[in-house]
Amino acid sequence: DKIKNSPCVRTRRQGDYLTVNSEGGRKKLKDYFIDLKIPREERDRILLVAEGSEVFWVVGYRISERVRITEKTGSMLQIEYIPAVAGI
């Protein structure tokens, strides 16, 4: 209900942001990674589900407050991440 266009799976880009509270407060993805102390070389390998510069899901870490499921949610998009297993 809250996603209007088609999100894509990608890695970070300049200008990416997350909605971090129900009032619509935003945080730059770069600052989010710094706060979590994720090493700079690892940040480019983290997958994101995004629409434009708005990040809906930092895979393995956090979902945006803007797309969080609530009691008012009518329909949802379920995305599952299954990491590749080395050697298969």
PDB file of N, CA and C in Angstrom:
ATOM      1  N   ASP A   1       0.811  -1.195   0.000  1.00  0.00           N
ATOM      2  CA  ASP A   1       0.000   0.000   0.000  1.00  0.00           C
ATOM      3  C   ASP A   1       0.861   1.269   0.000  1.00  0.00           C
ATOM      4  N   LYS A   2       2.043   1.183   0.555  1.00  0.00           N
ATOM      5  CA  LYS A   2       2.874   2.377   0.741  1.00  0.00           C
ATOM      6  C   LYS A   2       3.910   2.575  -0.358  1.00  0.00           C
ATOM      7  N   ILE A   3       4.172   1.540  -1.140  1.00  0.00           N
ATOM      8  CA  ILE A   3       5.156   1.623  -2.221  1.00  0.00           C
ATOM      9  C   ILE A   3       4.402   1.873  -3.514  1.00  0.00           C
ATOM     10  N   LYS A   4       4.693   2.984  -4.175  1.00  0.00           N
ATOM     11  CA  LYS A   4       3.933   3.375  -5.365  1.00  0.00           C
ATOM     12  C   LYS A   4       4.516   2.822  -6.669  1.00  0.00           C
ATOM     13  N   ASN A   5       5.814   2.766  -6.785  1.00  0.00           N
ATOM     14  CA  ASN A   5       6.463   2.275  -8.005  1.00  0.00           C
ATOM     15  C   ASN A   5       7.149   0.948  -7.728  1.00  0.00           C
ATOM     16  N   SER A   6       7.985   0.511  -8.652  1.00  0.00           N
ATOM     17  CA  SER A   6       8.693  -0.760  -8.491  1.00  0.00           C
ATOM     18  C   SER A   6      10.051  -0.529  -7.837  1.00  0.00           C
ATOM     19  N   PRO A   7      10.253  -1.077  -6.651  1.00  0.00           N
ATOM     20  CA  PRO A   7      11.568  -0.956  -6.022  1.00  0.00           C
ATOM     21  C   PRO A   7      12.582  -1.849  -6.737  1.00  0.00           C
ATOM     22  N   CYS A   8      13.853  -1.544  -6.545  1.00  0.00           N
ATOM     23  CA  CYS A   8      14.911  -2.369  -7.129  1.00  0.00           C
ATOM     24  C   CYS A   8      15.868  -2.805  -6.027  1.00  0.00           C
ATOM     25  N   VAL A   9      16.630  -3.845  -6.314  1.00  0.00           N
ATOM     26  CA  VAL A   9      17.667  -4.331  -5.409  1.00  0.00           C
ATOM     27  C   VAL A   9      18.991  -3.837  -5.977  1.00  0.00           C
ATOM     28  N   ARG A  10      19.754  -3.149  -5.146  1.00  0.00           N
ATOM     29  CA  ARG A  10      21.019  -2.564  -5.596  1.00  0.00           C
ATOM     30  C   ARG A  10      21.914  -2.304  -4.396  1.00  0.00           C
ATOM     31  N   THR A  11      23.085  -1.765  -4.655  1.00  0.00           N
ATOM     32  CA  THR A  11      23.977  -1.332  -3.589  1.00  0.00           C
ATOM     33  C   THR A  11      23.842   0.180  -3.434  1.00  0.00           C
ATOM     34  N   ARG A  12      24.554   0.741  -2.482  1.00  0.00           N
ATOM     35  CA  ARG A  12      24.374   2.148  -2.134  1.00  0.00           C
ATOM     36  C   ARG A  12      24.778   3.110  -3.247  1.00  0.00           C
ATOM     37  N   ARG A  13      24.157   4.285  -3.189  1.00  0.00           N
ATOM     38  CA  ARG A  13      24.466   5.395  -4.088  1.00  0.00           C
ATOM     39  C   ARG A  13      24.493   6.677  -3.260  1.00  0.00           C
ATOM     40  N   GLN A  14      25.162   7.650  -3.776  1.00  0.00           N
ATOM     41  CA  GLN A  14      25.202   8.950  -3.104  1.00  0.00           C
ATOM     42  C   GLN A  14      23.785   9.508  -2.995  1.00  0.00           C
ATOM     43  N   GLY A  15      23.430  10.019  -1.834  1.00  0.00           N
ATOM     44  CA  GLY A  15      22.116  10.602  -1.616  1.00  0.00           C
ATOM     45  C   GLY A  15      21.080   9.651  -1.040  1.00  0.00           C
ATOM     46  N   ASP A  16      21.418   8.378  -0.852  1.00  0.00           N
ATOM     47  CA  ASP A  16      20.473   7.409  -0.284  1.00  0.00           C
ATOM     48  C   ASP A  16      20.133   7.789   1.151  1.00  0.00           C
ATOM     49  N   TYR A  17      18.875   7.515   1.540  1.00  0.00           N
ATOM     50  CA  TYR A  17      18.440   7.803   2.892  1.00  0.00           C
ATOM     51  C   TYR A  17      17.398   6.792   3.356  1.00  0.00           C
ATOM     52  N   LEU A  18      17.246   6.715   4.672  1.00  0.00           N
ATOM     53  CA  LEU A  18      16.235   5.863   5.331  1.00  0.00           C
ATOM     54  C   LEU A  18      15.274   6.762   6.101  1.00  0.00           C
ATOM     55  N   THR A  19      14.012   6.378   6.164  1.00  0.00           N
ATOM     56  CA  THR A  19      13.078   7.029   7.071  1.00  0.00           C
ATOM     57  C   THR A  19      13.196   6.285   8.393  1.00  0.00           C
ATOM     58  N   VAL A  20      13.567   7.017   9.462  1.00  0.00           N
ATOM     59  CA  VAL A  20      13.940   6.357  10.714  1.00  0.00           C
ATOM     60  C   VAL A  20      12.914   6.475  11.834  1.00  0.00           C
ATOM     61  N   ASN A  21      11.861   7.265  11.624  1.00  0.00           N
ATOM     62  CA  ASN A  21      10.817   7.328  12.654  1.00  0.00           C
ATOM     63  C   ASN A  21       9.461   7.576  12.011  1.00  0.00           C
ATOM     64  N   SER A  22       8.416   7.391  12.778  1.00  0.00           N
ATOM     65  CA  SER A  22       7.055   7.487  12.245  1.00  0.00           C
ATOM     66  C   SER A  22       6.671   8.910  11.858  1.00  0.00           C
ATOM     67  N   GLU A  23       7.416   9.893  12.312  1.00  0.00           N
ATOM     68  CA  GLU A  23       7.157  11.286  11.938  1.00  0.00           C
ATOM     69  C   GLU A  23       7.773  11.645  10.588  1.00  0.00           C
ATOM     70  N   GLY A  24       8.492  10.717   9.976  1.00  0.00           N
ATOM     71  CA  GLY A  24       9.101  10.959   8.672  1.00  0.00           C
ATOM     72  C   GLY A  24      10.538  11.430   8.726  1.00  0.00           C
ATOM     73  N   GLY A  25      11.162  11.370   9.891  1.00  0.00           N
ATOM     74  CA  GLY A  25      12.559  11.776  10.019  1.00  0.00           C
ATOM     75  C   GLY A  25      13.461  10.903   9.161  1.00  0.00           C
ATOM     76  N   ARG A  26      14.415  11.548   8.506  1.00  0.00           N
ATOM     77  CA  ARG A  26      15.320  10.829   7.608  1.00  0.00           C
ATOM     78  C   ARG A  26      16.733  10.799   8.148  1.00  0.00           C
ATOM     79  N   LYS A  27      17.461   9.767   7.718  1.00  0.00           N
ATOM     80  CA  LYS A  27      18.883   9.659   8.044  1.00  0.00           C
ATOM     81  C   LYS A  27      19.610   9.237   6.777  1.00  0.00           C
ATOM     82  N   LYS A  28      20.705   9.909   6.491  1.00  0.00           N
ATOM     83  CA  LYS A  28      21.516   9.512   5.339  1.00  0.00           C
ATOM     84  C   LYS A  28      22.018   8.088   5.567  1.00  0.00           C
ATOM     85  N   LEU A  29      22.002   7.289   4.508  1.00  0.00           N
ATOM     86  CA  LEU A  29      22.482   5.918   4.614  1.00  0.00           C
ATOM     87  C   LEU A  29      23.937   5.892   5.079  1.00  0.00           C
ATOM     88  N   LYS A  30      24.722   6.816   4.590  1.00  0.00           N
ATOM     89  CA  LYS A  30      26.129   6.908   4.990  1.00  0.00           C
ATOM     90  C   LYS A  30      26.232   7.062   6.510  1.00  0.00           C
ATOM     91  N   ASP A  31      25.426   7.930   7.099  1.00  0.00           N
ATOM     92  CA  ASP A  31      25.454   8.140   8.546  1.00  0.00           C
ATOM     93  C   ASP A  31      24.957   6.908   9.298  1.00  0.00           C
ATOM     94  N   TYR A  32      23.967   6.233   8.731  1.00  0.00           N
ATOM     95  CA  TYR A  32      23.460   5.002   9.343  1.00  0.00           C
ATOM     96  C   TYR A  32      24.576   3.959   9.420  1.00  0.00           C
ATOM     97  N   PHE A  33      25.315   3.773   8.326  1.00  0.00           N
ATOM     98  CA  PHE A  33      26.422   2.818   8.304  1.00  0.00           C
ATOM     99  C   PHE A  33      27.516   3.216   9.294  1.00  0.00           C
ATOM    100  N   ILE A  34      27.807   4.500   9.373  1.00  0.00           N
ATOM    101  CA  ILE A  34      28.830   4.978  10.309  1.00  0.00           C
ATOM    102  C   ILE A  34      28.393   4.704  11.740  1.00  0.00           C
ATOM    103  N   ASP A  35      27.112   4.994  12.051  1.00  0.00           N
ATOM    104  CA  ASP A  35      26.598   4.747  13.409  1.00  0.00           C
ATOM    105  C   ASP A  35      26.706   3.277  13.797  1.00  0.00           C
ATOM    106  N   LEU A  36      26.506   2.378  12.831  1.00  0.00           N
ATOM    107  CA  LEU A  36      26.615   0.938  13.100  1.00  0.00           C
ATOM    108  C   LEU A  36      28.059   0.437  13.066  1.00  0.00           C
ATOM    109  N   LYS A  37      28.973   1.338  12.731  1.00  0.00           N
ATOM    110  CA  LYS A  37      30.401   1.007  12.647  1.00  0.00           C
ATOM    111  C   LYS A  37      30.681  -0.090  11.619  1.00  0.00           C
ATOM    112  N   ILE A  38      29.949  -0.032  10.506  1.00  0.00           N
ATOM    113  CA  ILE A  38      30.180  -0.970   9.406  1.00  0.00           C
ATOM    114  C   ILE A  38      31.405  -0.481   8.646  1.00  0.00           C
ATOM    115  N   PRO A  39      32.425  -1.323   8.479  1.00  0.00           N
ATOM    116  CA  PRO A  39      33.642  -0.895   7.782  1.00  0.00           C
ATOM    117  C   PRO A  39      33.334  -0.378   6.377  1.00  0.00           C
ATOM    118  N   ARG A  40      34.032   0.661   5.980  1.00  0.00           N
ATOM    119  CA  ARG A  40      33.815   1.320   4.691  1.00  0.00           C
ATOM    120  C   ARG A  40      33.864   0.330   3.526  1.00  0.00           C
ATOM    121  N   GLU A  41      34.808  -0.618   3.563  1.00  0.00           N
ATOM    122  CA  GLU A  41      34.955  -1.566   2.460  1.00  0.00           C
ATOM    123  C   GLU A  41      33.789  -2.556   2.384  1.00  0.00           C
ATOM    124  N   GLU A  42      33.073  -2.745   3.480  1.00  0.00           N
ATOM    125  CA  GLU A  42      31.937  -3.659   3.502  1.00  0.00           C
ATOM    126  C   GLU A  42      30.644  -2.991   3.027  1.00  0.00           C
ATOM    127  N   ARG A  43      30.552  -1.674   3.143  1.00  0.00           N
ATOM    128  CA  ARG A  43      29.319  -0.936   2.824  1.00  0.00           C
ATOM    129  C   ARG A  43      28.864  -1.110   1.381  1.00  0.00           C
ATOM    130  N   ASP A  44      29.796  -1.234   0.450  1.00  0.00           N
ATOM    131  CA  ASP A  44      29.439  -1.389  -0.967  1.00  0.00           C
ATOM    132  C   ASP A  44      28.913  -2.785  -1.292  1.00  0.00           C
ATOM    133  N   ARG A  45      29.002  -3.726  -0.352  1.00  0.00           N
ATOM    134  CA  ARG A  45      28.511  -5.083  -0.590  1.00  0.00           C
ATOM    135  C   ARG A  45      27.133  -5.326   0.023  1.00  0.00           C
ATOM    136  N   ILE A  46      26.641  -4.392   0.805  1.00  0.00           N
ATOM    137  CA  ILE A  46      25.344  -4.551   1.458  1.00  0.00           C
ATOM    138  C   ILE A  46      24.240  -4.229   0.458  1.00  0.00           C
ATOM    139  N   LEU A  47      23.290  -5.158   0.314  1.00  0.00           N
ATOM    140  CA  LEU A  47      22.190  -4.963  -0.623  1.00  0.00           C
ATOM    141  C   LEU A  47      21.107  -4.074  -0.017  1.00  0.00           C
ATOM    142  N   LEU A  48      20.469  -3.310  -0.909  1.00  0.00           N
ATOM    143  CA  LEU A  48      19.386  -2.416  -0.519  1.00  0.00           C
ATOM    144  C   LEU A  48      18.183  -2.679  -1.410  1.00  0.00           C
ATOM    145  N   VAL A  49      16.995  -2.506  -0.865  1.00  0.00           N
ATOM    146  CA  VAL A  49      15.776  -2.452  -1.666  1.00  0.00           C
ATOM    147  C   VAL A  49      15.377  -0.989  -1.622  1.00  0.00           C
ATOM    148  N   ALA A  50      15.341  -0.360  -2.792  1.00  0.00           N
ATOM    149  CA  ALA A  50      15.139   1.086  -2.838  1.00  0.00           C
ATOM    150  C   ALA A  50      14.286   1.499  -4.025  1.00  0.00           C
ATOM    151  N   GLU A  51      13.772   2.710  -3.908  1.00  0.00           N
ATOM    152  CA  GLU A  51      13.042   3.358  -4.989  1.00  0.00           C
ATOM    153  C   GLU A  51      13.634   4.751  -5.086  1.00  0.00           C
ATOM    154  N   GLY A  52      14.384   5.010  -6.146  1.00  0.00           N
ATOM    155  CA  GLY A  52      15.117   6.270  -6.219  1.00  0.00           C
ATOM    156  C   GLY A  52      16.150   6.301  -5.105  1.00  0.00           C
ATOM    157  N   SER A  53      16.192   7.404  -4.370  1.00  0.00           N
ATOM    158  CA  SER A  53      17.142   7.541  -3.256  1.00  0.00           C
ATOM    159  C   SER A  53      16.593   7.039  -1.931  1.00  0.00           C
ATOM    160  N   GLU A  54      15.315   6.678  -1.913  1.00  0.00           N
ATOM    161  CA  GLU A  54      14.703   6.212  -0.676  1.00  0.00           C
ATOM    162  C   GLU A  54      14.936   4.721  -0.492  1.00  0.00           C
ATOM    163  N   VAL A  55      15.601   4.368   0.583  1.00  0.00           N
ATOM    164  CA  VAL A  55      15.900   2.968   0.895  1.00  0.00           C
ATOM    165  C   VAL A  55      14.771   2.417   1.757  1.00  0.00           C
ATOM    166  N   PHE A  56      14.158   1.317   1.300  1.00  0.00           N
ATOM    167  CA  PHE A  56      13.092   0.656   2.046  1.00  0.00           C
ATOM    168  C   PHE A  56      13.642  -0.404   2.996  1.00  0.00           C
ATOM    169  N   TRP A  57      14.724  -1.066   2.582  1.00  0.00           N
ATOM    170  CA  TRP A  57      15.283  -2.142   3.395  1.00  0.00           C
ATOM    171  C   TRP A  57      16.787  -2.196   3.196  1.00  0.00           C
ATOM    172  N   VAL A  58      17.525  -2.128   4.284  1.00  0.00           N
ATOM    173  CA  VAL A  58      18.958  -2.411   4.275  1.00  0.00           C
ATOM    174  C   VAL A  58      19.027  -3.887   4.642  1.00  0.00           C
ATOM    175  N   VAL A  59      19.243  -4.735   3.639  1.00  0.00           N
ATOM    176  CA  VAL A  59      19.132  -6.188   3.811  1.00  0.00           C
ATOM    177  C   VAL A  59      20.052  -6.661   4.941  1.00  0.00           C
ATOM    178  N   GLY A  60      19.441  -7.340   5.889  1.00  0.00           N
ATOM    179  CA  GLY A  60      20.179  -7.862   7.032  1.00  0.00           C
ATOM    180  C   GLY A  60      20.279  -6.892   8.191  1.00  0.00           C
ATOM    181  N   TYR A  61      19.762  -5.668   8.031  1.00  0.00           N
ATOM    182  CA  TYR A  61      19.912  -4.663   9.080  1.00  0.00           C
ATOM    183  C   TYR A  61      18.592  -4.011   9.500  1.00  0.00           C
ATOM    184  N   ARG A  62      17.941  -3.298   8.579  1.00  0.00           N
ATOM    185  CA  ARG A  62      16.804  -2.480   8.998  1.00  0.00           C
ATOM    186  C   ARG A  62      15.831  -2.230   7.856  1.00  0.00           C
ATOM    187  N   ILE A  63      14.549  -2.074   8.229  1.00  0.00           N
ATOM    188  CA  ILE A  63      13.514  -1.682   7.286  1.00  0.00           C
ATOM    189  C   ILE A  63      13.143  -0.221   7.584  1.00  0.00           C
ATOM    190  N   SER A  64      12.776   0.505   6.553  1.00  0.00           N
ATOM    191  CA  SER A  64      12.360   1.891   6.703  1.00  0.00           C
ATOM    192  C   SER A  64      11.051   1.970   7.478  1.00  0.00           C
ATOM    193  N   GLU A  65      10.925   2.967   8.328  1.00  0.00           N
ATOM    194  CA  GLU A  65       9.679   3.168   9.080  1.00  0.00           C
ATOM    195  C   GLU A  65       8.520   3.491   8.137  1.00  0.00           C
ATOM    196  N   ARG A  66       8.810   4.071   6.985  1.00  0.00           N
ATOM    197  CA  ARG A  66       7.751   4.449   6.060  1.00  0.00           C
ATOM    198  C   ARG A  66       7.023   3.243   5.482  1.00  0.00           C
ATOM    199  N   VAL A  67       7.696   2.106   5.352  1.00  0.00           N
ATOM    200  CA  VAL A  67       7.076   0.923   4.750  1.00  0.00           C
ATOM    201  C   VAL A  67       6.823  -0.205   5.757  1.00  0.00           C
ATOM    202  N   ARG A  68       6.986   0.093   7.019  1.00  0.00           N
ATOM    203  CA  ARG A  68       6.741  -0.911   8.056  1.00  0.00           C
ATOM    204  C   ARG A  68       5.263  -1.306   8.042  1.00  0.00           C
ATOM    205  N   ILE A  69       4.988  -2.585   8.258  1.00  0.00           N
ATOM    206  CA  ILE A  69       3.611  -3.086   8.270  1.00  0.00           C
ATOM    207  C   ILE A  69       2.922  -2.642   9.563  1.00  0.00           C
ATOM    208  N   THR A  70       1.704  -2.125   9.421  1.00  0.00           N
ATOM    209  CA  THR A  70       0.907  -1.692  10.570  1.00  0.00           C
ATOM    210  C   THR A  70      -0.466  -2.337  10.499  1.00  0.00           C
ATOM    211  N   GLU A  71      -1.310  -2.039  11.463  1.00  0.00           N
ATOM    212  CA  GLU A  71      -2.667  -2.576  11.455  1.00  0.00           C
ATOM    213  C   GLU A  71      -3.504  -2.011  10.308  1.00  0.00           C
ATOM    214  N   LYS A  72      -3.064  -0.913   9.699  1.00  0.00           N
ATOM    215  CA  LYS A  72      -3.778  -0.304   8.574  1.00  0.00           C
ATOM    216  C   LYS A  72      -3.322  -0.849   7.221  1.00  0.00           C
ATOM    217  N   THR A  73      -2.299  -1.670   7.197  1.00  0.00           N
ATOM    218  CA  THR A  73      -1.760  -2.203   5.948  1.00  0.00           C
ATOM    219  C   THR A  73      -2.772  -3.146   5.305  1.00  0.00           C
ATOM    220  N   GLY A  74      -3.071  -2.882   4.019  1.00  0.00           N
ATOM    221  CA  GLY A  74      -4.024  -3.720   3.302  1.00  0.00           C
ATOM    222  C   GLY A  74      -3.351  -4.823   2.506  1.00  0.00           C
ATOM    223  N   SER A  75      -2.282  -4.503   1.818  1.00  0.00           N
ATOM    224  CA  SER A  75      -1.536  -5.502   1.055  1.00  0.00           C
ATOM    225  C   SER A  75      -0.048  -5.265   1.274  1.00  0.00           C
ATOM    226  N   MET A  76       0.722  -6.300   1.038  1.00  0.00           N
ATOM    227  CA  MET A  76       2.159  -6.176   1.276  1.00  0.00           C
ATOM    228  C   MET A  76       2.961  -6.901   0.215  1.00  0.00           C
ATOM    229  N   LEU A  77       4.207  -6.505   0.112  1.00  0.00           N
ATOM    230  CA  LEU A  77       5.173  -7.144  -0.764  1.00  0.00           C
ATOM    231  C   LEU A  77       6.153  -7.861   0.147  1.00  0.00           C
ATOM    232  N   GLN A  78       6.292  -9.155  -0.039  1.00  0.00           N
ATOM    233  CA  GLN A  78       7.227  -9.926   0.773  1.00  0.00           C
ATOM    234  C   GLN A  78       8.451 -10.228  -0.072  1.00  0.00           C
ATOM    235  N   ILE A  79       9.613  -9.863   0.457  1.00  0.00           N
ATOM    236  CA  ILE A  79      10.883 -10.129  -0.207  1.00  0.00           C
ATOM    237  C   ILE A  79      11.726 -10.944   0.755  1.00  0.00           C
ATOM    238  N   GLU A  80      12.283 -12.034   0.243  1.00  0.00           N
ATOM    239  CA  GLU A  80      13.124 -12.877   1.083  1.00  0.00           C
ATOM    240  C   GLU A  80      14.523 -12.905   0.500  1.00  0.00           C
ATOM    241  N   TYR A  81      15.513 -12.736   1.365  1.00  0.00           N
ATOM    242  CA  TYR A  81      16.904 -12.803   0.952  1.00  0.00           C
ATOM    243  C   TYR A  81      17.480 -14.134   1.417  1.00  0.00           C
ATOM    244  N   ILE A  82      17.987 -14.888   0.461  1.00  0.00           N
ATOM    245  CA  ILE A  82      18.645 -16.158   0.769  1.00  0.00           C
ATOM    246  C   ILE A  82      20.082 -16.037   0.310  1.00  0.00           C
ATOM    247  N   PRO A  83      21.018 -15.938   1.261  1.00  0.00           N
ATOM    248  CA  PRO A  83      22.425 -15.760   0.872  1.00  0.00           C
ATOM    249  C   PRO A  83      22.972 -16.986   0.150  1.00  0.00           C
ATOM    250  N   ALA A  84      23.842 -16.723  -0.790  1.00  0.00           N
ATOM    251  CA  ALA A  84      24.484 -17.812  -1.531  1.00  0.00           C
ATOM    252  C   ALA A  84      25.408 -18.574  -0.596  1.00  0.00           C
ATOM    253  N   VAL A  85      25.488 -19.860  -0.797  1.00  0.00           N
ATOM    254  CA  VAL A  85      26.378 -20.701   0.000  1.00  0.00           C
ATOM    255  C   VAL A  85      27.623 -20.966  -0.840  1.00  0.00           C
ATOM    256  N   ALA A  86      28.776 -20.711  -0.263  1.00  0.00           N
ATOM    257  CA  ALA A  86      30.035 -20.910  -0.984  1.00  0.00           C
ATOM    258  C   ALA A  86      30.177 -22.366  -1.418  1.00  0.00           C
ATOM    259  N   GLY A  87      30.587 -22.568  -2.648  1.00  0.00           N
ATOM    260  CA  GLY A  87      30.848 -23.903  -3.145  1.00  0.00           C
ATOM    261  C   GLY A  87      29.656 -24.580  -3.814  1.00  0.00           C
ATOM    262  N   ILE A  88      28.524 -23.912  -3.831  1.00  0.00           N
ATOM    263  CA  ILE A  88      27.337 -24.530  -4.471  1.00  0.00           C
ATOM    264  C   ILE A  88      27.017 -23.786  -5.746  1.00  0.00           C
TER     265      ILE A  88
END
